[in-house]
PDB file of N, CA and C in Angstrom:
ATOM      1  N   MET A   1       0.821  -1.031   0.161  1.00  0.00           N
ATOM      2  CA  MET A   1       0.149  -0.030  -0.387  1.00  0.00           C
ATOM      3  C   MET A   1       0.453   1.337  -0.344  1.00  0.00           C
ATOM      4  N   GLY A   2       1.797   1.691   0.777  1.00  0.00           N
ATOM      5  CA  GLY A   2       2.791   2.575   0.278  1.00  0.00           C
ATOM      6  C   GLY A   2       2.629   4.241   0.728  1.00  0.00           C
ATOM      7  N   LEU A   3       3.564   4.791   0.135  1.00  0.00           N
ATOM      8  CA  LEU A   3       3.614   6.074  -0.536  1.00  0.00           C
ATOM      9  C   LEU A   3       3.862   6.422  -1.548  1.00  0.00           C
ATOM     10  N   LYS A   4       2.396   7.062  -1.967  1.00  0.00           N
ATOM     11  CA  LYS A   4       2.795   7.644  -3.378  1.00  0.00           C
ATOM     12  C   LYS A   4       3.052   8.738  -3.880  1.00  0.00           C
ATOM     13  N   LEU A   5       3.403   8.782  -4.965  1.00  0.00           N
ATOM     14  CA  LEU A   5       4.375  10.596  -5.516  1.00  0.00           C
ATOM     15  C   LEU A   5       3.145  11.920  -4.728  1.00  0.00           C
ATOM     16  N   PRO A   6       1.677  11.839  -4.786  1.00  0.00           N
ATOM     17  CA  PRO A   6       1.651  13.110  -4.370  1.00  0.00           C
ATOM     18  C   PRO A   6       1.169  13.315  -3.031  1.00  0.00           C
ATOM     19  N   GLU A   7       1.416  12.009  -2.001  1.00  0.00           N
ATOM     20  CA  GLU A   7       1.625  12.209  -0.767  1.00  0.00           C
ATOM     21  C   GLU A   7       2.891  12.500   0.139  1.00  0.00           C
ATOM     22  N   ILE A   8       3.968  12.118  -1.054  1.00  0.00           N
ATOM     23  CA  ILE A   8       5.420  12.096  -0.504  1.00  0.00           C
ATOM     24  C   ILE A   8       5.409  14.096  -0.761  1.00  0.00           C
ATOM     25  N   LEU A   9       5.115  14.588  -2.237  1.00  0.00           N
ATOM     26  CA  LEU A   9       4.828  15.847  -1.934  1.00  0.00           C
ATOM     27  C   LEU A   9       4.306  16.429  -0.946  1.00  0.00           C
ATOM     28  N   LEU A  10       3.128  15.813  -0.351  1.00  0.00           N
ATOM     29  CA  LEU A  10       2.753  16.966   0.490  1.00  0.00           C
ATOM     30  C   LEU A  10       3.284  16.780   1.582  1.00  0.00           C
ATOM     31  N   ILE A  11       3.896  15.979   2.076  1.00  0.00           N
ATOM     32  CA  ILE A  11       4.624  15.581   3.408  1.00  0.00           C
ATOM     33  C   ILE A  11       5.963  16.637   3.125  1.00  0.00           C
ATOM     34  N   PHE A  12       6.593  16.408   2.386  1.00  0.00           N
ATOM     35  CA  PHE A  12       7.663  17.591   2.125  1.00  0.00           C
ATOM     36  C   PHE A  12       7.406  18.858   1.689  1.00  0.00           C
ATOM     37  N   ALA A  13       6.240  19.642   1.201  1.00  0.00           N
ATOM     38  CA  ALA A  13       5.360  20.687   1.282  1.00  0.00           C
ATOM     39  C   ALA A  13       5.356  20.964   2.823  1.00  0.00           C
ATOM     40  N   ALA A  14       4.689  20.307   3.506  1.00  0.00           N
ATOM     41  CA  ALA A  14       4.586  20.753   4.809  1.00  0.00           C
ATOM     42  C   ALA A  14       5.830  20.951   5.703  1.00  0.00           C
ATOM     43  N   LEU A  15       6.882  20.054   5.654  1.00  0.00           N
ATOM     44  CA  LEU A  15       8.005  20.167   6.139  1.00  0.00           C
ATOM     45  C   LEU A  15       8.513  21.262   5.330  1.00  0.00           C
ATOM     46  N   LEU A  16       8.908  21.724   4.450  1.00  0.00           N
ATOM     47  CA  LEU A  16       9.302  22.803   4.054  1.00  0.00           C
ATOM     48  C   LEU A  16       8.964  23.755   4.401  1.00  0.00           C
ATOM     49  N   LEU A  17       7.408  24.083   4.956  1.00  0.00           N
ATOM     50  CA  LEU A  17       6.707  25.106   5.429  1.00  0.00           C
ATOM     51  C   LEU A  17       7.258  24.962   6.818  1.00  0.00           C
ATOM     52  N   LEU A  18       7.259  24.883   7.551  1.00  0.00           N
ATOM     53  CA  LEU A  18       7.469  24.376   9.262  1.00  0.00           C
ATOM     54  C   LEU A  18       9.161  24.749   9.606  1.00  0.00           C
ATOM     55  N   PHE A  19       9.847  24.004   8.744  1.00  0.00           N
ATOM     56  CA  PHE A  19      11.179  24.408   8.720  1.00  0.00           C
ATOM     57  C   PHE A  19      12.250  24.925   8.149  1.00  0.00           C
ATOM     58  N   GLY A  20      11.712  25.535   6.932  1.00  0.00           N
ATOM     59  CA  GLY A  20      12.172  26.412   5.959  1.00  0.00           C
ATOM     60  C   GLY A  20      13.662  25.372   5.164  1.00  0.00           C
ATOM     61  N   GLY A  21      13.827  26.205   4.035  1.00  0.00           N
ATOM     62  CA  GLY A  21      14.605  25.350   3.288  1.00  0.00           C
ATOM     63  C   GLY A  21      16.406  25.242   3.464  1.00  0.00           C
ATOM     64  N   SER A  22      16.373  26.091   3.933  1.00  0.00           N
ATOM     65  CA  SER A  22      17.929  26.055   4.597  1.00  0.00           C
ATOM     66  C   SER A  22      18.174  25.022   6.017  1.00  0.00           C
ATOM     67  N   ARG A  23      17.114  25.047   6.801  1.00  0.00           N
ATOM     68  CA  ARG A  23      16.860  23.590   7.529  1.00  0.00           C
ATOM     69  C   ARG A  23      16.824  22.587   7.174  1.00  0.00           C
ATOM     70  N   LEU A  24      16.149  22.106   6.350  1.00  0.00           N
ATOM     71  CA  LEU A  24      15.866  20.764   5.722  1.00  0.00           C
ATOM     72  C   LEU A  24      16.809  19.794   5.421  1.00  0.00           C
ATOM     73  N   PRO A  25      18.090  20.244   4.989  1.00  0.00           N
ATOM     74  CA  PRO A  25      19.680  19.566   4.841  1.00  0.00           C
ATOM     75  C   PRO A  25      20.223  18.938   6.221  1.00  0.00           C
ATOM     76  N   GLN A  26      20.032  19.969   7.197  1.00  0.00           N
ATOM     77  CA  GLN A  26      20.202  19.626   8.688  1.00  0.00           C
ATOM     78  C   GLN A  26      19.868  18.808   9.001  1.00  0.00           C
ATOM     79  N   LEU A  27      18.185  18.794   9.238  1.00  0.00           N
ATOM     80  CA  LEU A  27      17.772  17.974   9.468  1.00  0.00           C
ATOM     81  C   LEU A  27      17.777  16.465   9.305  1.00  0.00           C
ATOM     82  N   GLY A  28      17.817  16.587   7.841  1.00  0.00           N
ATOM     83  CA  GLY A  28      18.312  15.155   6.926  1.00  0.00           C
ATOM     84  C   GLY A  28      19.185  14.798   7.595  1.00  0.00           C
ATOM     85  N   SER A  29      20.169  15.294   7.292  1.00  0.00           N
ATOM     86  CA  SER A  29      21.636  14.666   7.892  1.00  0.00           C
ATOM     87  C   SER A  29      21.690  14.226   9.369  1.00  0.00           C
ATOM     88  N   SER A  30      21.341  14.830  10.472  1.00  0.00           N
ATOM     89  CA  SER A  30      21.509  14.449  11.869  1.00  0.00           C
ATOM     90  C   SER A  30      20.063  13.518  12.045  1.00  0.00           C
ATOM     91  N   LEU A  31      19.270  13.166  11.098  1.00  0.00           N
ATOM     92  CA  LEU A  31      18.433  11.954  11.185  1.00  0.00           C
ATOM     93  C   LEU A  31      19.009  10.768  10.795  1.00  0.00           C
ATOM     94  N   GLY A  32      19.902  10.946   9.624  1.00  0.00           N
ATOM     95  CA  GLY A  32      20.822   9.634   9.027  1.00  0.00           C
ATOM     96  C   GLY A  32      22.082   9.809  10.044  1.00  0.00           C
ATOM     97  N   SER A  33      22.652  10.850  10.646  1.00  0.00           N
ATOM     98  CA  SER A  33      23.546  10.347  11.797  1.00  0.00           C
ATOM     99  C   SER A  33      22.963   9.638  12.860  1.00  0.00           C
ATOM    100  N   ALA A  34      21.820  10.060  13.454  1.00  0.00           N
ATOM    101  CA  ALA A  34      20.846   9.195  14.429  1.00  0.00           C
ATOM    102  C   ALA A  34      20.951   7.682  14.364  1.00  0.00           C
ATOM    103  N   LEU A  35      20.030   7.610  12.672  1.00  0.00           N
ATOM    104  CA  LEU A  35      19.808   6.402  12.587  1.00  0.00           C
ATOM    105  C   LEU A  35      21.082   4.980  12.616  1.00  0.00           C
ATOM    106  N   ARG A  36      22.331   6.097  11.970  1.00  0.00           N
ATOM    107  CA  ARG A  36      23.415   4.833  11.183  1.00  0.00           C
ATOM    108  C   ARG A  36      24.077   4.768  13.269  1.00  0.00           C
ATOM    109  N   ASN A  37      24.120   5.856  13.913  1.00  0.00           N
ATOM    110  CA  ASN A  37      24.296   5.083  15.477  1.00  0.00           C
ATOM    111  C   ASN A  37      23.545   4.255  16.093  1.00  0.00           C
ATOM    112  N   PHE A  38      22.145   4.232  15.779  1.00  0.00           N
ATOM    113  CA  PHE A  38      21.578   3.720  16.142  1.00  0.00           C
ATOM    114  C   PHE A  38      21.315   1.950  15.743  1.00  0.00           C
ATOM    115  N   LYS A  39      21.659   2.069  14.542  1.00  0.00           N
ATOM    116  CA  LYS A  39      22.086   0.669  14.172  1.00  0.00           C
ATOM    117  C   LYS A  39      23.296   0.246  14.406  1.00  0.00           C
ATOM    118  N   ARG A  40      24.167   1.297  14.639  1.00  0.00           N
ATOM    119  CA  ARG A  40      25.856   0.557  15.080  1.00  0.00           C
ATOM    120  C   ARG A  40      25.862   0.021  16.295  1.00  0.00           C
ATOM    121  N   GLY A  41      24.847   0.578  17.016  1.00  0.00           N
ATOM    122  CA  GLY A  41      24.628   0.577  18.980  1.00  0.00           C
ATOM    123  C   GLY A  41      24.151  -1.116  18.755  1.00  0.00           C
ATOM    124  N   PHE A  42      23.656  -1.484  17.804  1.00  0.00           N
ATOM    125  CA  PHE A  42      23.006  -2.906  17.974  1.00  0.00           C
ATOM    126  C   PHE A  42      23.591  -3.623  17.245  1.00  0.00           C
ATOM    127  N   SER A  43      24.477  -3.528  16.408  1.00  0.00           N
ATOM    128  CA  SER A  43      25.540  -4.311  15.942  1.00  0.00           C
ATOM    129  C   SER A  43      26.666  -4.654  16.395  1.00  0.00           C
ATOM    130  N   THR A  44      26.993  -4.167  17.357  1.00  0.00           N
ATOM    131  CA  THR A  44      28.248  -4.233  18.394  1.00  0.00           C
ATOM    132  C   THR A  44      28.651  -5.635  18.709  1.00  0.00           C
ATOM    133  N   ASP A  45      29.738  -6.252  18.584  1.00  0.00           N
ATOM    134  CA  ASP A  45      29.925  -7.947  19.066  1.00  0.00           C
ATOM    135  C   ASP A  45      30.221  -7.585  20.208  1.00  0.00           C
ATOM    136  N   GLU A  46      30.076  -8.625  21.325  1.00  0.00           N
ATOM    137  CA  GLU A  46      30.828  -8.946  22.299  1.00  0.00           C
ATOM    138  C   GLU A  46      32.534  -8.644  22.683  1.00  0.00           C
ATOM    139  N   LYS A  47      33.161  -8.668  21.491  1.00  0.00           N
ATOM    140  CA  LYS A  47      34.484  -8.362  21.880  1.00  0.00           C
ATOM    141  C   LYS A  47      34.849  -6.801  22.039  1.00  0.00           C
ATOM    142  N   ASP A  48      33.996  -6.294  20.968  1.00  0.00           N
ATOM    143  CA  ASP A  48      34.124  -4.503  21.434  1.00  0.00           C
ATOM    144  C   ASP A  48      33.860  -4.277  22.306  1.00  0.00           C
ATOM    145  N   ASP A  49      32.813  -4.921  23.524  1.00  0.00           N
ATOM    146  CA  ASP A  49      32.503  -3.946  24.801  1.00  0.00           C
ATOM    147  C   ASP A  49      33.180  -4.790  25.480  1.00  0.00           C
ATOM    148  N   ALA A  50      33.991  -5.637  25.348  1.00  0.00           N
ATOM    149  CA  ALA A  50      35.173  -6.345  26.215  1.00  0.00           C
ATOM    150  C   ALA A  50      36.909  -5.413  26.108  1.00  0.00           C
ATOM    151  N   GLU A  51      37.085  -5.061  24.533  1.00  0.00           N
ATOM    152  CA  GLU A  51      37.542  -4.115  24.299  1.00  0.00           C
ATOM    153  C   GLU A  51      37.504  -2.369  25.192  1.00  0.00           C
ATOM    154  N   GLU A  52      36.335  -1.899  25.331  1.00  0.00           N
ATOM    155  CA  GLU A  52      36.238  -1.094  25.894  1.00  0.00           C
ATOM    156  C   GLU A  52      36.465  -0.557  26.990  1.00  0.00           C
ATOM    157  N   LYS A  53      36.170  -1.609  28.374  1.00  0.00           N
ATOM    158  CA  LYS A  53      36.041  -1.658  29.209  1.00  0.00           C
ATOM    159  C   LYS A  53      37.997  -2.009  29.928  1.00  0.00           C
ATOM    160  N   LYS A  54      38.505  -1.177  30.380  1.00  0.00           N
ATOM    161  CA  LYS A  54      39.751  -1.367  30.255  1.00  0.00           C
ATOM    162  C   LYS A  54      40.374  -1.411  32.073  1.00  0.00           C
ATOM    163  N   PRO A  55      41.153  -2.041  32.312  1.00  0.00           N
ATOM    164  CA  PRO A  55      41.220  -2.778  33.674  1.00  0.00           C
ATOM    165  C   PRO A  55      41.823  -1.184  34.357  1.00  0.00           C
ATOM    166  N   GLY A  56      41.595  -0.985  35.585  1.00  0.00           N
ATOM    167  CA  GLY A  56      42.613  -0.072  36.398  1.00  0.00           C
ATOM    168  C   GLY A  56      41.796   1.093  36.344  1.00  0.00           C
ATOM    169  N   THR A  57      40.379   1.269  35.628  1.00  0.00           N
ATOM    170  CA  THR A  57      39.721   2.373  35.588  1.00  0.00           C
ATOM    171  C   THR A  57      39.379   2.999  37.132  1.00  0.00           C
ATOM    172  N   LEU A  58      38.892   2.286  38.018  1.00  0.00           N
ATOM    173  CA  LEU A  58      38.659   2.083  39.550  1.00  0.00           C
ATOM    174  C   LEU A  58      39.883   2.792  39.896  1.00  0.00           C
ATOM    175  N   SER A  59      41.012   3.082  39.572  1.00  0.00           N
ATOM    176  CA  SER A  59      42.215   3.464  40.487  1.00  0.00           C
ATOM    177  C   SER A  59      42.654   4.880  39.845  1.00  0.00           C
ATOM    178  N   ALA A  60      41.749   5.141  38.549  1.00  0.00           N
ATOM    179  CA  ALA A  60      41.831   6.667  38.152  1.00  0.00           C
ATOM    180  C   ALA A  60      40.643   7.326  38.968  1.00  0.00           C
ATOM    181  N   ALA A  61      39.367   6.764  39.420  1.00  0.00           N
ATOM    182  CA  ALA A  61      38.734   7.428  39.917  1.00  0.00           C
ATOM    183  C   ALA A  61      39.428   7.729  41.605  1.00  0.00           C
ATOM    184  N   SER A  62      39.758   6.738  42.241  1.00  0.00           N
ATOM    185  CA  SER A  62      40.462   6.973  43.647  1.00  0.00           C
ATOM    186  C   SER A  62      41.551   8.382  43.794  1.00  0.00           C
ATOM    187  N   GLY A  63      42.185   8.205  43.079  1.00  0.00           N
ATOM    188  CA  GLY A  63      43.007   9.716  42.137  1.00  0.00           C
ATOM    189  C   GLY A  63      42.136  10.814  42.585  1.00  0.00           C
ATOM    190  N   VAL A  64      41.117  11.064  42.130  1.00  0.00           N
ATOM    191  CA  VAL A  64      40.260  12.225  41.833  1.00  0.00           C
ATOM    192  C   VAL A  64      39.651  12.041  43.076  1.00  0.00           C
ATOM    193  N   ASP A  65      39.276  11.544  43.811  1.00  0.00           N
ATOM    194  CA  ASP A  65      39.169  11.595  45.205  1.00  0.00           C
ATOM    195  C   ASP A  65      39.726  11.960  45.778  1.00  0.00           C
ATOM    196  N   LYS A  66      41.417  11.891  45.641  1.00  0.00           N
ATOM    197  CA  LYS A  66      42.509  12.448  46.702  1.00  0.00           C
ATOM    198  C   LYS A  66      42.688  13.579  46.441  1.00  0.00           C
ATOM    199  N   ASP A  67      42.187  13.798  45.165  1.00  0.00           N
ATOM    200  CA  ASP A  67      42.717  15.943  45.096  1.00  0.00           C
ATOM    201  C   ASP A  67      41.364  16.607  45.686  1.00  0.00           C
ATOM    202  N   VAL A  68      40.189  15.674  45.172  1.00  0.00           N
ATOM    203  CA  VAL A  68      39.024  16.419  46.049  1.00  0.00           C
ATOM    204  C   VAL A  68      39.371  16.611  47.382  1.00  0.00           C
ATOM    205  N   SER A  69      39.875  15.697  48.281  1.00  0.00           N
ATOM    206  CA  SER A  69      39.698  15.627  49.801  1.00  0.00           C
ATOM    207  C   SER A  69      40.929  16.244  50.308  1.00  0.00           C
ATOM    208  N   ALA A  70      42.265  16.840  49.205  1.00  0.00           N
ATOM    209  CA  ALA A  70      43.447  17.941  49.777  1.00  0.00           C
ATOM    210  C   ALA A  70      43.038  19.182  49.318  1.00  0.00           C
ATOM    211  N   LYS A  71      41.636  19.489  48.298  1.00  0.00           N
ATOM    212  CA  LYS A  71      41.539  20.908  48.293  1.00  0.00           C
ATOM    213  C   LYS A  71      40.311  21.559  48.936  1.00  0.00           C
ATOM    214  N   SER A  72      39.637  20.308  49.568  1.00  0.00           N
ATOM    215  CA  SER A  72      38.660  20.771  50.323  1.00  0.00           C
ATOM    216  C   SER A  72      39.527  21.444  51.607  1.00  0.00           C
ATOM    217  N   PRO A  73      38.699  22.217  52.363  1.00  0.00           N
ATOM    218  CA  PRO A  73      38.926  23.012  53.645  1.00  0.00           C
ATOM    219  C   PRO A  73      39.121  22.330  54.890  1.00  0.00           C
ATOM    220  N   SER A  74      39.843  22.064  55.675  1.00  0.00           N
ATOM    221  CA  SER A  74      40.188  20.978  56.820  1.00  0.00           C
ATOM    222  C   SER A  74      39.168  22.230  57.722  1.00  0.00           C
ATOM    223  N   HIS A  75      38.649  21.815  58.844  1.00  0.00           N
ATOM    224  CA  HIS A  75      37.667  22.347  59.915  1.00  0.00           C
ATOM    225  C   HIS A  75      38.320  21.902  61.004  1.00  0.00           C
ATOM    226  N   HIS A  76      39.329  22.741  61.488  1.00  0.00           N
ATOM    227  CA  HIS A  76      39.977  22.402  62.622  1.00  0.00           C
ATOM    228  C   HIS A  76      39.602  23.042  63.539  1.00  0.00           C
ATOM    229  N   ALA A  77      39.166  22.809  64.973  1.00  0.00           N
ATOM    230  CA  ALA A  77      38.377  23.905  65.758  1.00  0.00           C
ATOM    231  C   ALA A  77      39.580  23.828  66.584  1.00  0.00           C
TER     232      ALA A  77
END
């Protein structure tokens, strides 16, 4: 049953009126990149996930905690 030419033209005309001619290419490219990222998210393998998780990331966070505690004012009474 799909969309025929008159229906596609009507949708395109409505989009042109809503967003303007200069905004439509930006809208199309952002929609295309969103779809690519969405598909890429589902097509990743388990080995890709394992490569992203690097050991020792928790020890780096403890260094930040040390820096924050060193900069906080001491409350000696």
